[in-house]
Structure formats: structure tokens, C-alpha cells
Amino acid sequence: MYAIIRSGGKQYRVAEGELLRVERDVLGFADKDKVTFSEVLMVGGDQPKVGAPTVKGASVMATVLRESRGEKIIVFKKKRRKNHTKRKHGHRQDMVELRVDSIKL
């Protein structure tokens, strides 16, 4: 059985026992050991259920394993023929690694 959940404007396909990396800012409660996702868009399996927009009563339980940071993203902006309009920034997103424990309908 698998489910499609929404977290932070992104959609993830998860199954029981899988590892998942989600943005930490979105969770806000990553300090706890357990996390519950209530925005389940679809539950698949033998008889898939599609929500409109979410499946009523469905939830995904996960356990927080560790917190880390994502890979570095470099943002470079430049306007041609102007020497003073170059800008270079780097960014690393805070991430949380989760293990999906159960999918409930």
C-alpha cells in the first residue's frame, strides 16, 4: 500500500518502511519523535482511493530519524553589459529525515 501526501506545497509518494526527506520549516514540529500527515491526496493499493482534494480520515504516521541540511544551491543573477549587476548567493535548506511507520484509512 502506498499514499501520496502533501507537505510544504510538494507531493511525495510514500510507502510503509520508506525513508523520506522533507523540508524542516514546513513541519515546524520536527522536535517531536512522531509526525502525522493529514493531507493525504491518494491511497493506492488493490483498490485505490482518490481524494477531492484529500481522502477523508486518512493519515500517514512517521518517525523523525534525524535533522540535516540539503545540498547547496547557488543562485547567480547577472544583467549583461553592466559590470555592477552581478549577484551570487548560496542556500542550504534544513531537512528532516523521516521513516514512514503506517498508512491509515
PDB file of N, CA and C in Angstrom:
ATOM      1  N   MET A   1       0.846  -1.164   0.000  1.00  0.00           N
ATOM      2  CA  MET A   1       0.000   0.000   0.000  1.00  0.00           C
ATOM      3  C   MET A   1       0.899   1.238   0.000  1.00  0.00           C
ATOM      4  N   TYR A   2       0.485   2.241  -0.738  1.00  0.00           N
ATOM      5  CA  TYR A   2       1.235   3.485  -0.779  1.00  0.00           C
ATOM      6  C   TYR A   2       0.257   4.648  -0.673  1.00  0.00           C
ATOM      7  N   ALA A   3       0.811   5.830  -0.414  1.00  0.00           N
ATOM      8  CA  ALA A   3      -0.010   7.028  -0.306  1.00  0.00           C
ATOM      9  C   ALA A   3       0.738   8.194  -0.925  1.00  0.00           C
ATOM     10  N   ILE A   4      -0.009   9.175  -1.365  1.00  0.00           N
ATOM     11  CA  ILE A   4       0.568  10.425  -1.858  1.00  0.00           C
ATOM     12  C   ILE A   4       0.155  11.509  -0.875  1.00  0.00           C
ATOM     13  N   ILE A   5       1.171  12.149  -0.268  1.00  0.00           N
ATOM     14  CA  ILE A   5       0.897  13.172   0.737  1.00  0.00           C
ATOM     15  C   ILE A   5       1.402  14.518   0.244  1.00  0.00           C
ATOM     16  N   ARG A   6       0.882  15.582   0.857  1.00  0.00           N
ATOM     17  CA  ARG A   6       1.329  16.924   0.529  1.00  0.00           C
ATOM     18  C   ARG A   6       1.981  17.532   1.764  1.00  0.00           C
ATOM     19  N   SER A   7       3.170  18.073   1.576  1.00  0.00           N
ATOM     20  CA  SER A   7       3.885  18.727   2.670  1.00  0.00           C
ATOM     21  C   SER A   7       4.671  19.891   2.090  1.00  0.00           C
ATOM     22  N   GLY A   8       4.329  21.090   2.505  1.00  0.00           N
ATOM     23  CA  GLY A   8       5.053  22.267   2.051  1.00  0.00           C
ATOM     24  C   GLY A   8       4.881  22.577   0.583  1.00  0.00           C
ATOM     25  N   GLY A   9       3.701  22.303   0.039  1.00  0.00           N
ATOM     26  CA  GLY A   9       3.463  22.577  -1.372  1.00  0.00           C
ATOM     27  C   GLY A   9       4.051  21.542  -2.310  1.00  0.00           C
ATOM     28  N   LYS A  10       4.666  20.508  -1.774  1.00  0.00           N
ATOM     29  CA  LYS A  10       5.237  19.440  -2.589  1.00  0.00           C
ATOM     30  C   LYS A  10       4.491  18.148  -2.296  1.00  0.00           C
ATOM     31  N   GLN A  11       4.483  17.260  -3.272  1.00  0.00           N
ATOM     32  CA  GLN A  11       3.800  15.986  -3.115  1.00  0.00           C
ATOM     33  C   GLN A  11       4.832  14.869  -3.090  1.00  0.00           C
ATOM     34  N   TYR A  12       4.622  13.920  -2.187  1.00  0.00           N
ATOM     35  CA  TYR A  12       5.538  12.804  -2.017  1.00  0.00           C
ATOM     36  C   TYR A  12       4.760  11.496  -2.069  1.00  0.00           C
ATOM     37  N   ARG A  13       5.337  10.498  -2.755  1.00  0.00           N
ATOM     38  CA  ARG A  13       4.754   9.155  -2.771  1.00  0.00           C
ATOM     39  C   ARG A  13       5.492   8.360  -1.707  1.00  0.00           C
ATOM     40  N   VAL A  14       4.745   7.841  -0.739  1.00  0.00           N
ATOM     41  CA  VAL A  14       5.360   7.141   0.382  1.00  0.00           C
ATOM     42  C   VAL A  14       4.736   5.762   0.541  1.00  0.00           C
ATOM     43  N   ALA A  15       5.509   4.857   1.082  1.00  0.00           N
ATOM     44  CA  ALA A  15       5.041   3.513   1.423  1.00  0.00           C
ATOM     45  C   ALA A  15       5.561   3.203   2.820  1.00  0.00           C
ATOM     46  N   GLU A  16       4.978   2.215   3.468  1.00  0.00           N
ATOM     47  CA  GLU A  16       5.387   1.858   4.818  1.00  0.00           C
ATOM     48  C   GLU A  16       6.834   1.369   4.816  1.00  0.00           C
ATOM     49  N   GLY A  17       7.620   1.881   5.772  1.00  0.00           N
ATOM     50  CA  GLY A  17       9.013   1.486   5.896  1.00  0.00           C
ATOM     51  C   GLY A  17       9.978   2.318   5.070  1.00  0.00           C
ATOM     52  N   GLU A  18       9.493   3.216   4.220  1.00  0.00           N
ATOM     53  CA  GLU A  18      10.357   4.046   3.390  1.00  0.00           C
ATOM     54  C   GLU A  18      10.948   5.203   4.179  1.00  0.00           C
ATOM     55  N   LEU A  19      12.091   5.703   3.687  1.00  0.00           N
ATOM     56  CA  LEU A  19      12.698   6.907   4.238  1.00  0.00           C
ATOM     57  C   LEU A  19      12.303   8.088   3.360  1.00  0.00           C
ATOM     58  N   LEU A  20      12.048   9.232   3.996  1.00  0.00           N
ATOM     59  CA  LEU A  20      11.547  10.405   3.298  1.00  0.00           C
ATOM     60  C   LEU A  20      12.258  11.631   3.835  1.00  0.00           C
ATOM     61  N   ARG A  21      12.690  12.538   2.948  1.00  0.00           N
ATOM     62  CA  ARG A  21      13.312  13.794   3.362  1.00  0.00           C
ATOM     63  C   ARG A  21      12.363  14.933   3.032  1.00  0.00           C
ATOM     64  N   VAL A  22      11.989  15.698   4.076  1.00  0.00           N
ATOM     65  CA  VAL A  22      11.015  16.782   3.963  1.00  0.00           C
ATOM     66  C   VAL A  22      11.667  18.048   4.504  1.00  0.00           C
ATOM     67  N   GLU A  23      11.238  19.202   3.996  1.00  0.00           N
ATOM     68  CA  GLU A  23      11.760  20.467   4.495  1.00  0.00           C
ATOM     69  C   GLU A  23      11.357  20.668   5.948  1.00  0.00           C
ATOM     70  N   ARG A  24      12.292  21.118   6.761  1.00  0.00           N
ATOM     71  CA  ARG A  24      12.059  21.257   8.197  1.00  0.00           C
ATOM     72  C   ARG A  24      11.143  22.434   8.513  1.00  0.00           C
ATOM     73  N   ASP A  25      11.253  23.532   7.783  1.00  0.00           N
ATOM     74  CA  ASP A  25      10.448  24.722   8.057  1.00  0.00           C
ATOM     75  C   ASP A  25       8.965  24.428   7.940  1.00  0.00           C
ATOM     76  N   VAL A  26       8.615  23.525   7.059  1.00  0.00           N
ATOM     77  CA  VAL A  26       7.209  23.215   6.825  1.00  0.00           C
ATOM     78  C   VAL A  26       6.630  22.465   8.020  1.00  0.00           C
ATOM     79  N   LEU A  27       7.393  21.532   8.565  1.00  0.00           N
ATOM     80  CA  LEU A  27       6.883  20.729   9.678  1.00  0.00           C
ATOM     81  C   LEU A  27       6.689  21.585  10.922  1.00  0.00           C
ATOM     82  N   GLY A  28       7.713  22.311  11.324  1.00  0.00           N
ATOM     83  CA  GLY A  28       7.594  23.169  12.481  1.00  0.00           C
ATOM     84  C   GLY A  28       7.580  22.420  13.798  1.00  0.00           C
ATOM     85  N   PHE A  29       7.197  21.162  13.783  1.00  0.00           N
ATOM     86  CA  PHE A  29       7.154  20.356  14.997  1.00  0.00           C
ATOM     87  C   PHE A  29       8.081  19.162  14.841  1.00  0.00           C
ATOM     88  N   ALA A  30       9.225  19.372  14.205  1.00  0.00           N
ATOM     89  CA  ALA A  30      10.163  18.286  13.941  1.00  0.00           C
ATOM     90  C   ALA A  30      10.909  17.852  15.186  1.00  0.00           C
ATOM     91  N   ASP A  31      10.767  18.610  16.302  1.00  0.00           N
ATOM     92  CA  ASP A  31      11.456  18.222  17.524  1.00  0.00           C
ATOM     93  C   ASP A  31      10.810  16.997  18.164  1.00  0.00           C
ATOM     94  N   LYS A  32       9.573  16.712  17.823  1.00  0.00           N
ATOM     95  CA  LYS A  32       8.883  15.542  18.367  1.00  0.00           C
ATOM     96  C   LYS A  32       9.387  14.270  17.693  1.00  0.00           C
ATOM     97  N   ASP A  33       9.090  13.139  18.305  1.00  0.00           N
ATOM     98  CA  ASP A  33       9.502  11.870  17.735  1.00  0.00           C
ATOM     99  C   ASP A  33       8.565  11.402  16.633  1.00  0.00           C
ATOM    100  N   LYS A  34       7.268  11.718  16.759  1.00  0.00           N
ATOM    101  CA  LYS A  34       6.267  11.256  15.791  1.00  0.00           C
ATOM    102  C   LYS A  34       5.689  12.438  15.028  1.00  0.00           C
ATOM    103  N   VAL A  35       5.381  12.211  13.763  1.00  0.00           N
ATOM    104  CA  VAL A  35       4.785  13.228  12.899  1.00  0.00           C
ATOM    105  C   VAL A  35       3.595  12.588  12.200  1.00  0.00           C
ATOM    106  N   THR A  36       2.494  13.334  12.096  1.00  0.00           N
ATOM    107  CA  THR A  36       1.302  12.851  11.409  1.00  0.00           C
ATOM    108  C   THR A  36       0.996  13.771  10.240  1.00  0.00           C
ATOM    109  N   PHE A  37       0.849  13.195   9.064  1.00  0.00           N
ATOM    110  CA  PHE A  37       0.451  13.938   7.870  1.00  0.00           C
ATOM    111  C   PHE A  37      -1.027  13.658   7.628  1.00  0.00           C
ATOM    112  N   SER A  38      -1.843  14.697   7.683  1.00  0.00           N
ATOM    113  CA  SER A  38      -3.280  14.507   7.475  1.00  0.00           C
ATOM    114  C   SER A  38      -3.718  14.860   6.057  1.00  0.00           C
ATOM    115  N   GLU A  39      -2.853  15.535   5.301  1.00  0.00           N
ATOM    116  CA  GLU A  39      -3.188  15.878   3.920  1.00  0.00           C
ATOM    117  C   GLU A  39      -2.769  14.724   3.005  1.00  0.00           C
ATOM    118  N   VAL A  40      -3.611  13.716   2.928  1.00  0.00           N
ATOM    119  CA  VAL A  40      -3.362  12.549   2.077  1.00  0.00           C
ATOM    120  C   VAL A  40      -4.207  12.727   0.814  1.00  0.00           C
ATOM    121  N   LEU A  41      -3.541  12.831  -0.325  1.00  0.00           N
ATOM    122  CA  LEU A  41      -4.237  13.087  -1.585  1.00  0.00           C
ATOM    123  C   LEU A  41      -4.752  11.807  -2.230  1.00  0.00           C
ATOM    124  N   MET A  42      -4.041  10.701  -2.001  1.00  0.00           N
ATOM    125  CA  MET A  42      -4.438   9.438  -2.622  1.00  0.00           C
ATOM    126  C   MET A  42      -3.869   8.291  -1.814  1.00  0.00           C
ATOM    127  N   VAL A  43      -4.631   7.221  -1.712  1.00  0.00           N
ATOM    128  CA  VAL A  43      -4.148   5.978  -1.108  1.00  0.00           C
ATOM    129  C   VAL A  43      -4.270   4.906  -2.176  1.00  0.00           C
ATOM    130  N   GLY A  44      -3.150   4.290  -2.505  1.00  0.00           N
ATOM    131  CA  GLY A  44      -3.140   3.288  -3.568  1.00  0.00           C
ATOM    132  C   GLY A  44      -2.978   1.895  -3.016  1.00  0.00           C
ATOM    133  N   GLY A  45      -3.222   0.929  -3.852  1.00  0.00           N
ATOM    134  CA  GLY A  45      -3.126  -0.482  -3.475  1.00  0.00           C
ATOM    135  C   GLY A  45      -4.004  -1.285  -4.406  1.00  0.00           C
ATOM    136  N   ASP A  46      -4.716  -2.276  -3.848  1.00  0.00           N
ATOM    137  CA  ASP A  46      -5.623  -3.086  -4.662  1.00  0.00           C
ATOM    138  C   ASP A  46      -6.803  -2.247  -5.151  1.00  0.00           C
ATOM    139  N   GLN A  47      -7.366  -1.435  -4.258  1.00  0.00           N
ATOM    140  CA  GLN A  47      -8.461  -0.543  -4.623  1.00  0.00           C
ATOM    141  C   GLN A  47      -8.063   0.889  -4.260  1.00  0.00           C
ATOM    142  N   PRO A  48      -7.495   1.629  -5.206  1.00  0.00           N
ATOM    143  CA  PRO A  48      -7.030   2.977  -4.893  1.00  0.00           C
ATOM    144  C   PRO A  48      -8.179   3.930  -4.577  1.00  0.00           C
ATOM    145  N   LYS A  49      -7.913   4.862  -3.657  1.00  0.00           N
ATOM    146  CA  LYS A  49      -8.889   5.879  -3.289  1.00  0.00           C
ATOM    147  C   LYS A  49      -8.270   7.247  -3.560  1.00  0.00           C
ATOM    148  N   VAL A  50      -8.975   8.051  -4.338  1.00  0.00           N
ATOM    149  CA  VAL A  50      -8.506   9.377  -4.697  1.00  0.00           C
ATOM    150  C   VAL A  50      -9.374  10.387  -3.970  1.00  0.00           C
ATOM    151  N   GLY A  51      -8.747  11.357  -3.345  1.00  0.00           N
ATOM    152  CA  GLY A  51      -9.476  12.366  -2.596  1.00  0.00           C
ATOM    153  C   GLY A  51      -9.848  13.553  -3.455  1.00  0.00           C
ATOM    154  N   ALA A  52     -10.782  14.339  -2.924  1.00  0.00           N
ATOM    155  CA  ALA A  52     -11.193  15.545  -3.640  1.00  0.00           C
ATOM    156  C   ALA A  52     -11.286  16.698  -2.658  1.00  0.00           C
ATOM    157  N   PRO A  53     -10.272  17.383  -2.266  1.00  0.00           N
ATOM    158  CA  PRO A  53      -8.859  17.222  -2.628  1.00  0.00           C
ATOM    159  C   PRO A  53      -8.109  16.212  -1.767  1.00  0.00           C
ATOM    160  N   THR A  54      -8.626  15.881  -0.564  1.00  0.00           N
ATOM    161  CA  THR A  54      -7.927  14.907   0.282  1.00  0.00           C
ATOM    162  C   THR A  54      -8.862  13.743   0.597  1.00  0.00           C
ATOM    163  N   VAL A  55      -8.253  12.621   0.990  1.00  0.00           N
ATOM    164  CA  VAL A  55      -9.023  11.444   1.387  1.00  0.00           C
ATOM    165  C   VAL A  55      -9.459  11.653   2.836  1.00  0.00           C
ATOM    166  N   LYS A  56     -10.747  11.592   3.083  1.00  0.00           N
ATOM    167  CA  LYS A  56     -11.273  11.838   4.424  1.00  0.00           C
ATOM    168  C   LYS A  56     -10.882  10.706   5.370  1.00  0.00           C
ATOM    169  N   GLY A  57     -10.348  11.082   6.537  1.00  0.00           N
ATOM    170  CA  GLY A  57      -9.991  10.111   7.553  1.00  0.00           C
ATOM    171  C   GLY A  57      -8.655   9.423   7.345  1.00  0.00           C
ATOM    172  N   ALA A  58      -7.953   9.721   6.286  1.00  0.00           N
ATOM    173  CA  ALA A  58      -6.668   9.076   6.018  1.00  0.00           C
ATOM    174  C   ALA A  58      -5.546   9.880   6.666  1.00  0.00           C
ATOM    175  N   SER A  59      -4.529   9.164   7.148  1.00  0.00           N
ATOM    176  CA  SER A  59      -3.370   9.825   7.728  1.00  0.00           C
ATOM    177  C   SER A  59      -2.149   8.940   7.555  1.00  0.00           C
ATOM    178  N   VAL A  60      -0.993   9.579   7.601  1.00  0.00           N
ATOM    179  CA  VAL A  60       0.283   8.865   7.495  1.00  0.00           C
ATOM    180  C   VAL A  60       1.097   9.211   8.733  1.00  0.00           C
ATOM    181  N   MET A  61       1.534   8.187   9.456  1.00  0.00           N
ATOM    182  CA  MET A  61       2.346   8.368  10.657  1.00  0.00           C
ATOM    183  C   MET A  61       3.810   8.112  10.306  1.00  0.00           C
ATOM    184  N   ALA A  62       4.693   8.980  10.822  1.00  0.00           N
ATOM    185  CA  ALA A  62       6.123   8.845  10.544  1.00  0.00           C
ATOM    186  C   ALA A  62       6.913   9.153  11.814  1.00  0.00           C
ATOM    187  N   THR A  63       8.145   8.645  11.856  1.00  0.00           N
ATOM    188  CA  THR A  63       9.046   8.866  12.975  1.00  0.00           C
ATOM    189  C   THR A  63      10.223   9.702  12.496  1.00  0.00           C
ATOM    190  N   VAL A  64      10.608  10.717  13.280  1.00  0.00           N
ATOM    191  CA  VAL A  64      11.747  11.558  12.938  1.00  0.00           C
ATOM    192  C   VAL A  64      13.027  10.792  13.250  1.00  0.00           C
ATOM    193  N   LEU A  65      13.896  10.650  12.247  1.00  0.00           N
ATOM    194  CA  LEU A  65      15.164   9.957  12.446  1.00  0.00           C
ATOM    195  C   LEU A  65      16.284  10.947  12.746  1.00  0.00           C
ATOM    196  N   ARG A  66      16.426  11.958  11.890  1.00  0.00           N
ATOM    197  CA  ARG A  66      17.483  12.946  12.117  1.00  0.00           C
ATOM    198  C   ARG A  66      17.179  14.212  11.333  1.00  0.00           C
ATOM    199  N   GLU A  67      17.837  15.275  11.745  1.00  0.00           N
ATOM    200  CA  GLU A  67      17.737  16.545  11.056  1.00  0.00           C
ATOM    201  C   GLU A  67      19.067  16.823  10.381  1.00  0.00           C
ATOM    202  N   SER A  68      19.022  17.363   9.174  1.00  0.00           N
ATOM    203  CA  SER A  68      20.248  17.645   8.438  1.00  0.00           C
ATOM    204  C   SER A  68      19.993  18.828   7.515  1.00  0.00           C
ATOM    205  N   ARG A  69      20.929  19.083   6.647  1.00  0.00           N
ATOM    206  CA  ARG A  69      20.766  20.154   5.682  1.00  0.00           C
ATOM    207  C   ARG A  69      20.903  19.577   4.285  1.00  0.00           C
ATOM    208  N   GLY A  70      20.187  20.169   3.349  1.00  0.00           N
ATOM    209  CA  GLY A  70      20.217  19.703   1.974  1.00  0.00           C
ATOM    210  C   GLY A  70      21.475  20.154   1.259  1.00  0.00           C
ATOM    211  N   GLU A  71      21.562  19.822  -0.008  1.00  0.00           N
ATOM    212  CA  GLU A  71      22.720  20.212  -0.801  1.00  0.00           C
ATOM    213  C   GLU A  71      22.685  21.704  -1.076  1.00  0.00           C
ATOM    214  N   LYS A  72      23.852  22.270  -1.325  1.00  0.00           N
ATOM    215  CA  LYS A  72      23.952  23.705  -1.545  1.00  0.00           C
ATOM    216  C   LYS A  72      23.446  24.066  -2.937  1.00  0.00           C
ATOM    217  N   ILE A  73      22.636  25.116  -2.971  1.00  0.00           N
ATOM    218  CA  ILE A  73      22.101  25.641  -4.227  1.00  0.00           C
ATOM    219  C   ILE A  73      22.714  27.015  -4.438  1.00  0.00           C
ATOM    220  N   ILE A  74      23.274  27.254  -5.606  1.00  0.00           N
ATOM    221  CA  ILE A  74      23.879  28.551  -5.904  1.00  0.00           C
ATOM    222  C   ILE A  74      22.939  29.315  -6.825  1.00  0.00           C
ATOM    223  N   VAL A  75      22.616  30.540  -6.415  1.00  0.00           N
ATOM    224  CA  VAL A  75      21.751  31.417  -7.194  1.00  0.00           C
ATOM    225  C   VAL A  75      22.630  32.532  -7.747  1.00  0.00           C
ATOM    226  N   PHE A  76      22.739  32.633  -9.054  1.00  0.00           N
ATOM    227  CA  PHE A  76      23.597  33.645  -9.684  1.00  0.00           C
ATOM    228  C   PHE A  76      22.752  34.463 -10.641  1.00  0.00           C
ATOM    229  N   LYS A  77      22.737  35.769 -10.424  1.00  0.00           N
ATOM    230  CA  LYS A  77      21.981  36.676 -11.283  1.00  0.00           C
ATOM    231  C   LYS A  77      22.939  37.662 -11.913  1.00  0.00           C
ATOM    232  N   LYS A  78      22.737  37.936 -13.197  1.00  0.00           N
ATOM    233  CA  LYS A  78      23.605  38.871 -13.907  1.00  0.00           C
ATOM    234  C   LYS A  78      22.826  39.528 -15.027  1.00  0.00           C
ATOM    235  N   LYS A  79      23.037  40.815 -15.187  1.00  0.00           N
ATOM    236  CA  LYS A  79      22.498  41.520 -16.349  1.00  0.00           C
ATOM    237  C   LYS A  79      23.666  41.829 -17.273  1.00  0.00           C
ATOM    238  N   ARG A  80      23.533  41.478 -18.506  1.00  0.00           N
ATOM    239  CA  ARG A  80      24.655  41.624 -19.422  1.00  0.00           C
ATOM    240  C   ARG A  80      24.964  43.089 -19.713  1.00  0.00           C
ATOM    241  N   ARG A  81      26.204  43.327 -20.024  1.00  0.00           N
ATOM    242  CA  ARG A  81      26.748  44.641 -20.377  1.00  0.00           C
ATOM    243  C   ARG A  81      26.675  45.641 -19.227  1.00  0.00           C
ATOM    244  N   LYS A  82      26.529  45.170 -18.018  1.00  0.00           N
ATOM    245  CA  LYS A  82      26.571  46.051 -16.847  1.00  0.00           C
ATOM    246  C   LYS A  82      27.456  45.360 -15.809  1.00  0.00           C
ATOM    247  N   ASN A  83      28.534  46.002 -15.461  1.00  0.00           N
ATOM    248  CA  ASN A  83      29.505  45.359 -14.577  1.00  0.00           C
ATOM    249  C   ASN A  83      29.044  45.310 -13.127  1.00  0.00           C
ATOM    250  N   HIS A  84      28.139  46.151 -12.734  1.00  0.00           N
ATOM    251  CA  HIS A  84      27.778  46.226 -11.329  1.00  0.00           C
ATOM    252  C   HIS A  84      26.515  45.436 -10.984  1.00  0.00           C
ATOM    253  N   THR A  85      26.022  44.619 -11.866  1.00  0.00           N
ATOM    254  CA  THR A  85      24.783  43.890 -11.570  1.00  0.00           C
ATOM    255  C   THR A  85      25.012  42.385 -11.558  1.00  0.00           C
ATOM    256  N   LYS A  86      25.996  41.946 -10.802  1.00  0.00           N
ATOM    257  CA  LYS A  86      26.199  40.512 -10.578  1.00  0.00           C
ATOM    258  C   LYS A  86      25.872  40.223  -9.127  1.00  0.00           C
ATOM    259  N   ARG A  87      25.206  39.111  -8.900  1.00  0.00           N
ATOM    260  CA  ARG A  87      24.840  38.744  -7.544  1.00  0.00           C
ATOM    261  C   ARG A  87      24.939  37.228  -7.407  1.00  0.00           C
ATOM    262  N   LYS A  88      25.633  36.777  -6.384  1.00  0.00           N
ATOM    263  CA  LYS A  88      25.796  35.340  -6.168  1.00  0.00           C
ATOM    264  C   LYS A  88      25.424  35.025  -4.724  1.00  0.00           C
ATOM    265  N   HIS A  89      24.471  34.144  -4.548  1.00  0.00           N
ATOM    266  CA  HIS A  89      24.024  33.719  -3.224  1.00  0.00           C
ATOM    267  C   HIS A  89      24.014  32.200  -3.172  1.00  0.00           C
ATOM    268  N   GLY A  90      24.253  31.670  -1.992  1.00  0.00           N
ATOM    269  CA  GLY A  90      24.148  30.236  -1.766  1.00  0.00           C
ATOM    270  C   GLY A  90      23.063  29.968  -0.732  1.00  0.00           C
ATOM    271  N   HIS A  91      22.501  28.769  -0.784  1.00  0.00           N
ATOM    272  CA  HIS A  91      21.435  28.418   0.150  1.00  0.00           C
ATOM    273  C   HIS A  91      21.467  26.924   0.410  1.00  0.00           C
ATOM    274  N   ARG A  92      21.275  26.549   1.693  1.00  0.00           N
ATOM    275  CA  ARG A  92      21.112  25.148   2.079  1.00  0.00           C
ATOM    276  C   ARG A  92      19.849  25.038   2.906  1.00  0.00           C
ATOM    277  N   GLN A  93      18.931  24.222   2.464  1.00  0.00           N
ATOM    278  CA  GLN A  93      17.639  24.062   3.136  1.00  0.00           C
ATOM    279  C   GLN A  93      17.773  23.086   4.300  1.00  0.00           C
ATOM    280  N   ASP A  94      17.142  23.405   5.426  1.00  0.00           N
ATOM    281  CA  ASP A  94      17.087  22.484   6.549  1.00  0.00           C
ATOM    282  C   ASP A  94      16.116  21.349   6.208  1.00  0.00           C
ATOM    283  N   MET A  95      16.547  20.114   6.424  1.00  0.00           N
ATOM    284  CA  MET A  95      15.749  18.951   6.070  1.00  0.00           C
ATOM    285  C   MET A  95      15.548  18.057   7.299  1.00  0.00           C
ATOM    286  N   VAL A  96      14.499  17.248   7.244  1.00  0.00           N
ATOM    287  CA  VAL A  96      14.218  16.255   8.276  1.00  0.00           C
ATOM    288  C   VAL A  96      14.060  14.912   7.579  1.00  0.00           C
ATOM    289  N   GLU A  97      14.757  13.907   8.088  1.00  0.00           N
ATOM    290  CA  GLU A  97      14.633  12.568   7.531  1.00  0.00           C
ATOM    291  C   GLU A  97      13.620  11.793   8.368  1.00  0.00           C
ATOM    292  N   LEU A  98      12.621  11.228   7.687  1.00  0.00           N
ATOM    293  CA  LEU A  98      11.524  10.525   8.353  1.00  0.00           C
ATOM    294  C   LEU A  98      11.461   9.079   7.882  1.00  0.00           C
ATOM    295  N   ARG A  99      10.966   8.206   8.761  1.00  0.00           N
ATOM    296  CA  ARG A  99      10.652   6.832   8.370  1.00  0.00           C
ATOM    297  C   ARG A  99       9.149   6.665   8.499  1.00  0.00           C
ATOM    298  N   VAL A 100       8.499   6.257   7.423  1.00  0.00           N
ATOM    299  CA  VAL A 100       7.043   6.098   7.405  1.00  0.00           C
ATOM    300  C   VAL A 100       6.693   4.819   8.149  1.00  0.00           C
ATOM    301  N   ASP A 101       5.883   4.977   9.200  1.00  0.00           N
ATOM    302  CA  ASP A 101       5.505   3.825  10.027  1.00  0.00           C
ATOM    303  C   ASP A 101       4.224   3.163   9.548  1.00  0.00           C
ATOM    304  N   SER A 102       3.168   3.974   9.320  1.00  0.00           N
ATOM    305  CA  SER A 102       1.893   3.370   8.951  1.00  0.00           C
ATOM    306  C   SER A 102       1.075   4.337   8.100  1.00  0.00           C
ATOM    307  N   ILE A 103       0.203   3.733   7.301  1.00  0.00           N
ATOM    308  CA  ILE A 103      -0.757   4.477   6.484  1.00  0.00           C
ATOM    309  C   ILE A 103      -2.133   4.005   6.928  1.00  0.00           C
ATOM    310  N   LYS A 104      -2.955   4.938   7.426  1.00  0.00           N
ATOM    311  CA  LYS A 104      -4.270   4.576   7.936  1.00  0.00           C
ATOM    312  C   LYS A 104      -5.366   5.212   7.086  1.00  0.00           C
ATOM    313  N   LEU A 105      -6.440   4.469   6.884  1.00  0.00           N
ATOM    314  CA  LEU A 105      -7.584   4.978   6.118  1.00  0.00           C
ATOM    315  C   LEU A 105      -8.659   5.488   7.052  1.00  0.00           C
TER     316      LEU A 105
END
